[in-house]
Amino acid sequence: VNKLLQLHFKDDKTRVSGDALLLMAEMLKVFVREAAARAARQAQTED
């Protein structure tokens, strides 16, 4: 998660706290699960 965030920071000196990394990891988990669920529903609509 830190590496992903660092790829988008303009300043190389920007740091992320451990709590912020855990929050971002949780957000990514929710996003990925939701993407999987929606993709599964899409496949079902196409039989």
All heavy atoms as atom14 arrays in JSON, in Angstrom:
{
  "sequence": "VNKLLQLHFKDDKTRVSGDALLLMAEMLKVFVREAAARAARQAQTED",
  "atom14_mask": [
    [1, 1, 1, 1, 1, 1, 1, 0, 0, 0, 0, 0, 0, 0],
    [1, 1, 1, 1, 1, 1, 1, 1, 0, 0, 0, 0, 0, 0],
    [1, 1, 1, 1, 1, 1, 1, 1, 1, 0, 0, 0, 0, 0],
    [1, 1, 1, 1, 1, 1, 1, 1, 0, 0, 0, 0, 0, 0],
    [1, 1, 1, 1, 1, 1, 1, 1, 0, 0, 0, 0, 0, 0],
    [1, 1, 1, 1, 1, 1, 1, 1, 1, 0, 0, 0, 0, 0],
    [1, 1, 1, 1, 1, 1, 1, 1, 0, 0, 0, 0, 0, 0],
    [1, 1, 1, 1, 1, 1, 1, 1, 1, 1, 0, 0, 0, 0],
    [1, 1, 1, 1, 1, 1, 1, 1, 1, 1, 1, 0, 0, 0],
    [1, 1, 1, 1, 1, 1, 1, 1, 1, 0, 0, 0, 0, 0],
    [1, 1, 1, 1, 1, 1, 1, 1, 0, 0, 0, 0, 0, 0],
    [1, 1, 1, 1, 1, 1, 1, 1, 0, 0, 0, 0, 0, 0],
    [1, 1, 1, 1, 1, 1, 1, 1, 1, 0, 0, 0, 0, 0],
    [1, 1, 1, 1, 1, 1, 1, 0, 0, 0, 0, 0, 0, 0],
    [1, 1, 1, 1, 1, 1, 1, 1, 1, 1, 1, 0, 0, 0],
    [1, 1, 1, 1, 1, 1, 1, 0, 0, 0, 0, 0, 0, 0],
    [1, 1, 1, 1, 1, 1, 0, 0, 0, 0, 0, 0, 0, 0],
    [1, 1, 1, 1, 0, 0, 0, 0, 0, 0, 0, 0, 0, 0],
    [1, 1, 1, 1, 1, 1, 1, 1, 0, 0, 0, 0, 0, 0],
    [1, 1, 1, 1, 1, 0, 0, 0, 0, 0, 0, 0, 0, 0],
    [1, 1, 1, 1, 1, 1, 1, 1, 0, 0, 0, 0, 0, 0],
    [1, 1, 1, 1, 1, 1, 1, 1, 0, 0, 0, 0, 0, 0],
    [1, 1, 1, 1, 1, 1, 1, 1, 0, 0, 0, 0, 0, 0],
    [1, 1, 1, 1, 1, 1, 1, 1, 0, 0, 0, 0, 0, 0],
    [1, 1, 1, 1, 1, 0, 0, 0, 0, 0, 0, 0, 0, 0],
    [1, 1, 1, 1, 1, 1, 1, 1, 1, 0, 0, 0, 0, 0],
    [1, 1, 1, 1, 1, 1, 1, 1, 0, 0, 0, 0, 0, 0],
    [1, 1, 1, 1, 1, 1, 1, 1, 0, 0, 0, 0, 0, 0],
    [1, 1, 1, 1, 1, 1, 1, 1, 1, 0, 0, 0, 0, 0],
    [1, 1, 1, 1, 1, 1, 1, 0, 0, 0, 0, 0, 0, 0],
    [1, 1, 1, 1, 1, 1, 1, 1, 1, 1, 1, 0, 0, 0],
    [1, 1, 1, 1, 1, 1, 1, 0, 0, 0, 0, 0, 0, 0],
    [1, 1, 1, 1, 1, 1, 1, 1, 1, 1, 1, 0, 0, 0],
    [1, 1, 1, 1, 1, 1, 1, 1, 1, 0, 0, 0, 0, 0],
    [1, 1, 1, 1, 1, 0, 0, 0, 0, 0, 0, 0, 0, 0],
    [1, 1, 1, 1, 1, 0, 0, 0, 0, 0, 0, 0, 0, 0],
    [1, 1, 1, 1, 1, 0, 0, 0, 0, 0, 0, 0, 0, 0],
    [1, 1, 1, 1, 1, 1, 1, 1, 1, 1, 1, 0, 0, 0],
    [1, 1, 1, 1, 1, 0, 0, 0, 0, 0, 0, 0, 0, 0],
    [1, 1, 1, 1, 1, 0, 0, 0, 0, 0, 0, 0, 0, 0],
    [1, 1, 1, 1, 1, 1, 1, 1, 1, 1, 1, 0, 0, 0],
    [1, 1, 1, 1, 1, 1, 1, 1, 1, 0, 0, 0, 0, 0],
    [1, 1, 1, 1, 1, 0, 0, 0, 0, 0, 0, 0, 0, 0],
    [1, 1, 1, 1, 1, 1, 1, 1, 1, 0, 0, 0, 0, 0],
    [1, 1, 1, 1, 1, 1, 1, 0, 0, 0, 0, 0, 0, 0],
    [1, 1, 1, 1, 1, 1, 1, 1, 1, 0, 0, 0, 0, 0],
    [1, 1, 1, 1, 1, 1, 1, 1, 0, 0, 0, 0, 0, 0]
  ],
  "atom14_positions": [
    [[0.84, -1.19, 0.0], [0.0, 0.0, 0.0], [0.88, 1.25, 0.0], [0.62, 2.2, -0.74], [-0.96, 0.0, 1.21], [-1.75, 1.3, 1.28], [-1.89, -1.2, 1.14], [0.0, 0.0, 0.0], [0.0, 0.0, 0.0], [0.0, 0.0, 0.0], [0.0, 0.0, 0.0], [0.0, 0.0, 0.0], [0.0, 0.0, 0.0], [0.0, 0.0, 0.0]],
    [[1.92, 1.23, 0.81], [2.84, 2.37, 0.85], [3.46, 2.62, -0.51], [3.56, 3.76, -0.97], [3.92, 2.15, 1.91], [4.74, 3.38, 2.14], [4.22, 4.48, 2.26], [6.05, 3.2, 2.17], [0.0, 0.0, 0.0], [0.0, 0.0, 0.0], [0.0, 0.0, 0.0], [0.0, 0.0, 0.0], [0.0, 0.0, 0.0], [0.0, 0.0, 0.0]],
    [[3.88, 1.55, -1.18], [4.51, 1.68, -2.5], [3.52, 2.28, -3.5], [3.87, 3.15, -4.29], [5.0, 0.32, -2.96], [5.87, 0.37, -4.17], [7.17, 1.03, -3.85], [8.27, 0.35, -4.63], [9.54, 1.03, -4.46], [0.0, 0.0, 0.0], [0.0, 0.0, 0.0], [0.0, 0.0, 0.0], [0.0, 0.0, 0.0], [0.0, 0.0, 0.0]],
    [[2.27, 1.8, -3.47], [1.25, 2.34, -4.36], [1.04, 3.84, -4.13], [0.93, 4.62, -5.07], [-0.07, 1.6, -4.17], [-0.15, 0.19, -4.74], [-1.4, -0.5, -4.25], [-0.11, 0.22, -6.25], [0.0, 0.0, 0.0], [0.0, 0.0, 0.0], [0.0, 0.0, 0.0], [0.0, 0.0, 0.0], [0.0, 0.0, 0.0], [0.0, 0.0, 0.0]],
    [[0.98, 4.22, -2.86], [0.8, 5.63, -2.54], [2.01, 6.45, -2.98], [1.86, 7.54, -3.55], [0.54, 5.8, -1.05], [-0.79, 5.27, -0.53], [-0.83, 5.32, 0.99], [-1.95, 6.05, -1.12], [0.0, 0.0, 0.0], [0.0, 0.0, 0.0], [0.0, 0.0, 0.0], [0.0, 0.0, 0.0], [0.0, 0.0, 0.0], [0.0, 0.0, 0.0]],
    [[3.2, 5.95, -2.71], [4.42, 6.67, -3.05], [4.52, 6.94, -4.56], [5.08, 7.96, -4.97], [5.66, 5.91, -2.58], [5.82, 5.83, -1.07], [6.08, 7.18, -0.43], [6.66, 8.07, -1.01], [5.62, 7.32, 0.81], [0.0, 0.0, 0.0], [0.0, 0.0, 0.0], [0.0, 0.0, 0.0], [0.0, 0.0, 0.0], [0.0, 0.0, 0.0]],
    [[3.96, 6.05, -5.36], [3.99, 6.24, -6.82], [3.24, 7.5, -7.25], [3.48, 8.03, -8.32], [3.39, 5.02, -7.52], [4.21, 3.74, -7.47], [3.4, 2.57, -8.02], [5.51, 3.9, -8.24], [0.0, 0.0, 0.0], [0.0, 0.0, 0.0], [0.0, 0.0, 0.0], [0.0, 0.0, 0.0], [0.0, 0.0, 0.0], [0.0, 0.0, 0.0]],
    [[2.32, 7.96, -6.4], [1.48, 9.1, -6.78], [1.79, 10.39, -6.03], [1.18, 11.41, -6.29], [0.01, 8.72, -6.61], [-0.39, 7.61, -7.51], [-0.6, 7.77, -8.85], [-0.56, 6.28, -7.27], [-0.9, 6.61, -9.4], [-0.87, 5.7, -8.46], [0.0, 0.0, 0.0], [0.0, 0.0, 0.0], [0.0, 0.0, 0.0], [0.0, 0.0, 0.0]],
    [[2.73, 10.34, -5.11], [3.11, 11.56, -4.4], [4.06, 12.38, -5.27], [4.95, 11.84, -5.92], [3.82, 11.23, -3.08], [2.91, 10.63, -2.03], [3.4, 9.72, -1.13], [1.57, 11.0, -1.95], [2.58, 9.16, -0.16], [0.74, 10.45, -0.98], [1.25, 9.54, -0.09], [0.0, 0.0, 0.0], [0.0, 0.0, 0.0], [0.0, 0.0, 0.0]],
    [[3.88, 13.69, -5.25], [4.76, 14.57, -6.01], [6.09, 14.77, -5.31], [7.12, 14.9, -5.95], [4.08, 15.92, -6.24], [2.88, 15.82, -7.15], [2.23, 17.16, -7.37], [1.01, 16.99, -8.27], [0.27, 18.2, -8.47], [0.0, 0.0, 0.0], [0.0, 0.0, 0.0], [0.0, 0.0, 0.0], [0.0, 0.0, 0.0], [0.0, 0.0, 0.0]],
    [[6.07, 14.76, -4.0], [7.28, 14.96, -3.21], [7.77, 13.62, -2.67], [7.04, 12.93, -1.95], [6.99, 15.92, -2.05], [8.23, 16.3, -1.26], [9.31, 15.72, -1.5], [8.12, 17.19, -0.4], [0.0, 0.0, 0.0], [0.0, 0.0, 0.0], [0.0, 0.0, 0.0], [0.0, 0.0, 0.0], [0.0, 0.0, 0.0], [0.0, 0.0, 0.0]],
    [[8.97, 13.23, -3.01], [9.53, 11.95, -2.57], [9.68, 11.87, -1.05], [9.82, 10.79, -0.5], [10.89, 11.7, -3.22], [10.78, 11.45, -4.71], [9.69, 11.05, -5.16], [11.78, 11.64, -5.43], [0.0, 0.0, 0.0], [0.0, 0.0, 0.0], [0.0, 0.0, 0.0], [0.0, 0.0, 0.0], [0.0, 0.0, 0.0], [0.0, 0.0, 0.0]],
    [[9.66, 13.01, -0.39], [9.85, 13.03, 1.06], [8.53, 12.8, 1.82], [8.54, 12.67, 3.04], [10.45, 14.37, 1.49], [11.85, 14.58, 0.94], [12.38, 15.93, 1.33], [13.74, 16.15, 0.71], [14.27, 17.48, 1.01], [0.0, 0.0, 0.0], [0.0, 0.0, 0.0], [0.0, 0.0, 0.0], [0.0, 0.0, 0.0], [0.0, 0.0, 0.0]],
    [[7.42, 12.72, 1.1], [6.13, 12.5, 1.75], [6.09, 11.13, 2.38], [6.48, 10.14, 1.78], [4.98, 12.62, 0.73], [5.05, 13.91, 0.1], [3.63, 12.44, 1.39], [0.0, 0.0, 0.0], [0.0, 0.0, 0.0], [0.0, 0.0, 0.0], [0.0, 0.0, 0.0], [0.0, 0.0, 0.0], [0.0, 0.0, 0.0], [0.0, 0.0, 0.0]],
    [[5.64, 11.06, 3.62], [5.56, 9.81, 4.37], [4.11, 9.58, 4.8], [3.34, 10.52, 4.98], [6.46, 9.83, 5.61], [7.93, 10.02, 5.26], [8.49, 8.75, 4.59], [9.84, 8.96, 4.14], [10.21, 9.04, 2.87], [9.31, 8.97, 1.91], [11.46, 9.21, 2.53], [0.0, 0.0, 0.0], [0.0, 0.0, 0.0], [0.0, 0.0, 0.0]],
    [[3.77, 8.31, 5.02], [2.43, 7.93, 5.43], [2.53, 7.2, 6.76], [3.37, 6.3, 6.92], [1.77, 7.01, 4.37], [0.35, 6.66, 4.78], [1.8, 7.67, 3.0], [0.0, 0.0, 0.0], [0.0, 0.0, 0.0], [0.0, 0.0, 0.0], [0.0, 0.0, 0.0], [0.0, 0.0, 0.0], [0.0, 0.0, 0.0], [0.0, 0.0, 0.0]],
    [[1.67, 7.55, 7.71], [1.71, 6.89, 9.01], [1.18, 5.46, 8.91], [0.47, 5.11, 7.96], [0.86, 7.67, 10.03], [-0.51, 7.49, 9.75], [0.0, 0.0, 0.0], [0.0, 0.0, 0.0], [0.0, 0.0, 0.0], [0.0, 0.0, 0.0], [0.0, 0.0, 0.0], [0.0, 0.0, 0.0], [0.0, 0.0, 0.0], [0.0, 0.0, 0.0]],
    [[1.51, 4.67, 9.89], [1.04, 3.28, 9.93], [-0.47, 3.19, 9.96], [-1.06, 2.33, 9.29], [0.0, 0.0, 0.0], [0.0, 0.0, 0.0], [0.0, 0.0, 0.0], [0.0, 0.0, 0.0], [0.0, 0.0, 0.0], [0.0, 0.0, 0.0], [0.0, 0.0, 0.0], [0.0, 0.0, 0.0], [0.0, 0.0, 0.0], [0.0, 0.0, 0.0]],
    [[-1.11, 4.07, 10.72], [-2.57, 4.07, 10.78], [-3.18, 4.42, 9.43], [-4.19, 3.83, 9.02], [-3.08, 5.05, 11.83], [-2.86, 4.55, 13.25], [-2.6, 3.34, 13.43], [-2.98, 5.37, 14.18], [0.0, 0.0, 0.0], [0.0, 0.0, 0.0], [0.0, 0.0, 0.0], [0.0, 0.0, 0.0], [0.0, 0.0, 0.0], [0.0, 0.0, 0.0]],
    [[-2.59, 5.36, 8.74], [-3.09, 5.74, 7.41], [-2.92, 4.58, 6.43], [-3.8, 4.34, 5.59], [-2.37, 6.98, 6.9], [0.0, 0.0, 0.0], [0.0, 0.0, 0.0], [0.0, 0.0, 0.0], [0.0, 0.0, 0.0], [0.0, 0.0, 0.0], [0.0, 0.0, 0.0], [0.0, 0.0, 0.0], [0.0, 0.0, 0.0], [0.0, 0.0, 0.0]],
    [[-1.82, 3.85, 6.54], [-1.61, 2.69, 5.67], [-2.65, 1.61, 5.94], [-3.17, 0.99, 5.0], [-0.2, 2.13, 5.86], [0.93, 2.96, 5.29], [2.28, 2.38, 5.68], [0.81, 3.09, 3.78], [0.0, 0.0, 0.0], [0.0, 0.0, 0.0], [0.0, 0.0, 0.0], [0.0, 0.0, 0.0], [0.0, 0.0, 0.0], [0.0, 0.0, 0.0]],
    [[-2.96, 1.39, 7.22], [-3.99, 0.4, 7.55], [-5.36, 0.82, 7.01], [-6.12, -0.01, 6.51], [-4.05, 0.19, 9.06], [-2.87, -0.55, 9.67], [-2.97, -0.55, 11.19], [-2.79, -1.98, 9.14], [0.0, 0.0, 0.0], [0.0, 0.0, 0.0], [0.0, 0.0, 0.0], [0.0, 0.0, 0.0], [0.0, 0.0, 0.0], [0.0, 0.0, 0.0]],
    [[-5.66, 2.1, 7.1], [-6.93, 2.61, 6.58], [-6.99, 2.44, 5.07], [-8.0, 1.99, 4.53], [-7.11, 4.08, 6.97], [-8.37, 4.76, 6.42], [-9.63, 4.06, 6.93], [-8.37, 6.22, 6.8], [0.0, 0.0, 0.0], [0.0, 0.0, 0.0], [0.0, 0.0, 0.0], [0.0, 0.0, 0.0], [0.0, 0.0, 0.0], [0.0, 0.0, 0.0]],
    [[-5.92, 2.78, 4.38], [-5.88, 2.63, 2.93], [-6.0, 1.15, 2.53], [-6.67, 0.82, 1.55], [-4.6, 3.23, 2.35], [-4.59, 4.74, 2.32], [-5.96, 5.45, 1.37], [-5.69, 4.72, -0.23], [0.0, 0.0, 0.0], [0.0, 0.0, 0.0], [0.0, 0.0, 0.0], [0.0, 0.0, 0.0], [0.0, 0.0, 0.0], [0.0, 0.0, 0.0]],
    [[-5.36, 0.27, 3.29], [-5.45, -1.17, 3.01], [-6.9, -1.63, 3.15], [-7.39, -2.44, 2.35], [-4.53, -1.95, 3.94], [0.0, 0.0, 0.0], [0.0, 0.0, 0.0], [0.0, 0.0, 0.0], [0.0, 0.0, 0.0], [0.0, 0.0, 0.0], [0.0, 0.0, 0.0], [0.0, 0.0, 0.0], [0.0, 0.0, 0.0], [0.0, 0.0, 0.0]],
    [[-7.58, -1.13, 4.17], [-8.99, -1.49, 4.36], [-9.84, -0.96, 3.21], [-10.73, -1.65, 2.7], [-9.5, -0.93, 5.69], [-10.94, -1.24, 5.99], [-11.23, -2.71, 6.21], [-10.31, -3.49, 6.53], [-12.4, -3.11, 6.05], [0.0, 0.0, 0.0], [0.0, 0.0, 0.0], [0.0, 0.0, 0.0], [0.0, 0.0, 0.0], [0.0, 0.0, 0.0]],
    [[-9.57, 0.25, 2.78], [-10.31, 0.82, 1.65], [-10.07, 0.02, 0.37], [-11.0, -0.22, -0.4], [-9.93, 2.29, 1.46], [-10.43, 3.17, 2.58], [-9.85, 4.87, 2.5], [-10.6, 5.44, 1.0], [0.0, 0.0, 0.0], [0.0, 0.0, 0.0], [0.0, 0.0, 0.0], [0.0, 0.0, 0.0], [0.0, 0.0, 0.0], [0.0, 0.0, 0.0]],
    [[-8.85, -0.39, 0.15], [-8.54, -1.22, -1.02], [-9.27, -2.55, -0.95], [-9.78, -3.05, -1.96], [-7.03, -1.45, -1.13], [-6.22, -0.31, -1.69], [-4.72, -0.58, -1.51], [-6.54, -0.1, -3.17], [0.0, 0.0, 0.0], [0.0, 0.0, 0.0], [0.0, 0.0, 0.0], [0.0, 0.0, 0.0], [0.0, 0.0, 0.0], [0.0, 0.0, 0.0]],
    [[-9.32, -3.14, 0.24], [-10.02, -4.41, 0.41], [-11.5, -4.26, 0.05], [-12.05, -5.08, -0.68], [-9.88, -4.91, 1.85], [-10.57, -6.26, 2.08], [-10.44, -6.72, 3.51], [-11.53, -6.07, 4.33], [-11.65, -6.63, 5.68], [0.0, 0.0, 0.0], [0.0, 0.0, 0.0], [0.0, 0.0, 0.0], [0.0, 0.0, 0.0], [0.0, 0.0, 0.0]],
    [[-12.12, -3.22, 0.54], [-13.54, -2.97, 0.24], [-13.72, -2.76, -1.26], [-14.65, -3.32, -1.87], [-14.06, -1.76, 1.04], [-15.45, -1.34, 0.56], [-14.08, -2.07, 2.52], [0.0, 0.0, 0.0], [0.0, 0.0, 0.0], [0.0, 0.0, 0.0], [0.0, 0.0, 0.0], [0.0, 0.0, 0.0], [0.0, 0.0, 0.0], [0.0, 0.0, 0.0]],
    [[-12.86, -1.99, -1.87], [-12.95, -1.7, -3.3], [-12.83, -2.98, -4.12], [-13.62, -3.22, -5.03], [-11.88, -0.68, -3.7], [-11.99, -0.22, -5.12], [-12.85, 0.8, -5.47], [-11.24, -0.82, -6.13], [-12.97, 1.23, -6.78], [-11.35, -0.41, -7.45], [-12.22, 0.61, -7.77], [0.0, 0.0, 0.0], [0.0, 0.0, 0.0], [0.0, 0.0, 0.0]],
    [[-11.84, -3.81, -3.8], [-11.61, -5.05, -4.55], [-12.77, -6.02, -4.37], [-13.24, -6.64, -5.33], [-10.27, -5.69, -4.15], [-10.13, -7.08, -4.72], [-9.11, -4.81, -4.62], [0.0, 0.0, 0.0], [0.0, 0.0, 0.0], [0.0, 0.0, 0.0], [0.0, 0.0, 0.0], [0.0, 0.0, 0.0], [0.0, 0.0, 0.0], [0.0, 0.0, 0.0]],
    [[-13.26, -6.15, -3.15], [-14.4, -7.04, -2.9], [-15.64, -6.55, -3.65], [-16.4, -7.35, -4.2], [-14.69, -7.14, -1.41], [-13.7, -8.01, -0.69], [-14.1, -8.22, 0.74], [-13.17, -9.14, 1.39], [-13.25, -9.48, 2.65], [-14.19, -8.98, 3.42], [-12.38, -10.32, 3.17], [0.0, 0.0, 0.0], [0.0, 0.0, 0.0], [0.0, 0.0, 0.0]],
    [[-15.87, -5.27, -3.63], [-17.02, -4.72, -4.34], [-16.88, -4.93, -5.85], [-17.85, -5.26, -6.53], [-17.19, -3.23, -4.01], [-18.41, -2.6, -4.62], [-19.73, -3.12, -4.05], [-19.74, -3.71, -2.97], [-20.77, -2.92, -4.73], [0.0, 0.0, 0.0], [0.0, 0.0, 0.0], [0.0, 0.0, 0.0], [0.0, 0.0, 0.0], [0.0, 0.0, 0.0]],
    [[-15.68, -4.75, -6.37], [-15.44, -5.0, -7.8], [-15.73, -6.46, -8.15], [-16.36, -6.76, -9.17], [-14.0, -4.64, -8.17], [0.0, 0.0, 0.0], [0.0, 0.0, 0.0], [0.0, 0.0, 0.0], [0.0, 0.0, 0.0], [0.0, 0.0, 0.0], [0.0, 0.0, 0.0], [0.0, 0.0, 0.0], [0.0, 0.0, 0.0], [0.0, 0.0, 0.0]],
    [[-15.29, -7.37, -7.31], [-15.53, -8.8, -7.55], [-17.02, -9.12, -7.5], [-17.54, -9.86, -8.35], [-14.76, -9.63, -6.53], [0.0, 0.0, 0.0], [0.0, 0.0, 0.0], [0.0, 0.0, 0.0], [0.0, 0.0, 0.0], [0.0, 0.0, 0.0], [0.0, 0.0, 0.0], [0.0, 0.0, 0.0], [0.0, 0.0, 0.0], [0.0, 0.0, 0.0]],
    [[-17.72, -8.57, -6.52], [-19.15, -8.83, -6.39], [-19.92, -8.28, -7.58], [-20.8, -8.96, -8.14], [-19.68, -8.22, -5.09], [0.0, 0.0, 0.0], [0.0, 0.0, 0.0], [0.0, 0.0, 0.0], [0.0, 0.0, 0.0], [0.0, 0.0, 0.0], [0.0, 0.0, 0.0], [0.0, 0.0, 0.0], [0.0, 0.0, 0.0], [0.0, 0.0, 0.0]],
    [[-19.59, -7.07, -7.99], [-20.28, -6.48, -9.14], [-19.97, -7.22, -10.43], [-20.85, -7.41, -11.28], [-19.91, -5.0, -9.28], [-20.49, -4.14, -8.18], [-20.18, -2.69, -8.39], [-20.6, -1.88, -7.27], [-20.79, -0.57, -7.32], [-20.59, 0.08, -8.45], [-21.18, 0.1, -6.25], [0.0, 0.0, 0.0], [0.0, 0.0, 0.0], [0.0, 0.0, 0.0]],
    [[-18.74, -7.65, -10.58], [-18.36, -8.41, -11.77], [-19.1, -9.75, -11.8], [-19.55, -10.2, -12.87], [-16.86, -8.64, -11.82], [0.0, 0.0, 0.0], [0.0, 0.0, 0.0], [0.0, 0.0, 0.0], [0.0, 0.0, 0.0], [0.0, 0.0, 0.0], [0.0, 0.0, 0.0], [0.0, 0.0, 0.0], [0.0, 0.0, 0.0], [0.0, 0.0, 0.0]],
    [[-19.26, -10.38, -10.65], [-20.01, -11.64, -10.57], [-21.47, -11.42, -10.95], [-22.06, -12.23, -11.69], [-19.9, -12.23, -9.17], [0.0, 0.0, 0.0], [0.0, 0.0, 0.0], [0.0, 0.0, 0.0], [0.0, 0.0, 0.0], [0.0, 0.0, 0.0], [0.0, 0.0, 0.0], [0.0, 0.0, 0.0], [0.0, 0.0, 0.0], [0.0, 0.0, 0.0]],
    [[-22.07, -10.33, -10.45], [-23.46, -10.03, -10.81], [-23.59, -9.75, -12.31], [-24.56, -10.15, -12.94], [-23.98, -8.84, -9.99], [-24.31, -9.22, -8.56], [-25.11, -8.15, -7.84], [-24.43, -6.87, -7.73], [-23.61, -6.53, -6.75], [-23.36, -7.38, -5.77], [-23.05, -5.34, -6.72], [0.0, 0.0, 0.0], [0.0, 0.0, 0.0], [0.0, 0.0, 0.0]],
    [[-22.59, -9.08, -12.87], [-22.6, -8.8, -14.31], [-22.56, -10.11, -15.1], [-23.31, -10.27, -16.07], [-21.42, -7.91, -14.69], [-21.33, -7.58, -16.17], [-22.5, -6.76, -16.68], [-23.01, -5.89, -15.97], [-22.94, -7.02, -17.9], [0.0, 0.0, 0.0], [0.0, 0.0, 0.0], [0.0, 0.0, 0.0], [0.0, 0.0, 0.0], [0.0, 0.0, 0.0]],
    [[-21.72, -11.03, -14.68], [-21.64, -12.33, -15.36], [-22.98, -13.06, -15.25], [-23.44, -13.68, -16.22], [-20.52, -13.17, -14.77], [0.0, 0.0, 0.0], [0.0, 0.0, 0.0], [0.0, 0.0, 0.0], [0.0, 0.0, 0.0], [0.0, 0.0, 0.0], [0.0, 0.0, 0.0], [0.0, 0.0, 0.0], [0.0, 0.0, 0.0], [0.0, 0.0, 0.0]],
    [[-23.62, -12.98, -14.09], [-24.92, -13.65, -13.9], [-25.98, -13.06, -14.82], [-26.8, -13.79, -15.35], [-25.38, -13.52, -12.45], [-24.61, -14.4, -11.49], [-25.01, -14.16, -10.04], [-25.56, -13.12, -9.7], [-24.7, -15.13, -9.19], [0.0, 0.0, 0.0], [0.0, 0.0, 0.0], [0.0, 0.0, 0.0], [0.0, 0.0, 0.0], [0.0, 0.0, 0.0]],
    [[-25.95, -11.74, -15.0], [-26.94, -11.12, -15.9], [-26.75, -11.58, -17.33], [-27.68, -11.52, -18.13], [-26.89, -9.58, -15.85], [-25.62, -9.12, -16.31], [-27.17, -9.06, -14.45], [0.0, 0.0, 0.0], [0.0, 0.0, 0.0], [0.0, 0.0, 0.0], [0.0, 0.0, 0.0], [0.0, 0.0, 0.0], [0.0, 0.0, 0.0], [0.0, 0.0, 0.0]],
    [[-25.54, -12.03, -17.65], [-25.24, -12.55, -18.99], [-25.37, -14.08, -19.03], [-24.93, -14.72, -19.98], [-23.83, -12.12, -19.41], [-23.68, -10.62, -19.51], [-22.25, -10.18, -19.78], [-21.41, -11.02, -20.17], [-21.96, -8.98, -19.61], [0.0, 0.0, 0.0], [0.0, 0.0, 0.0], [0.0, 0.0, 0.0], [0.0, 0.0, 0.0], [0.0, 0.0, 0.0]],
    [[-25.98, -14.65, -17.98], [-26.18, -16.1, -17.86], [-24.88, -16.89, -17.98], [-24.84, -17.96, -18.58], [-27.19, -16.6, -18.9], [-28.59, -16.08, -18.63], [-28.94, -15.97, -17.44], [-29.32, -15.79, -19.59], [0.0, 0.0, 0.0], [0.0, 0.0, 0.0], [0.0, 0.0, 0.0], [0.0, 0.0, 0.0], [0.0, 0.0, 0.0], [0.0, 0.0, 0.0]]
  ]
}
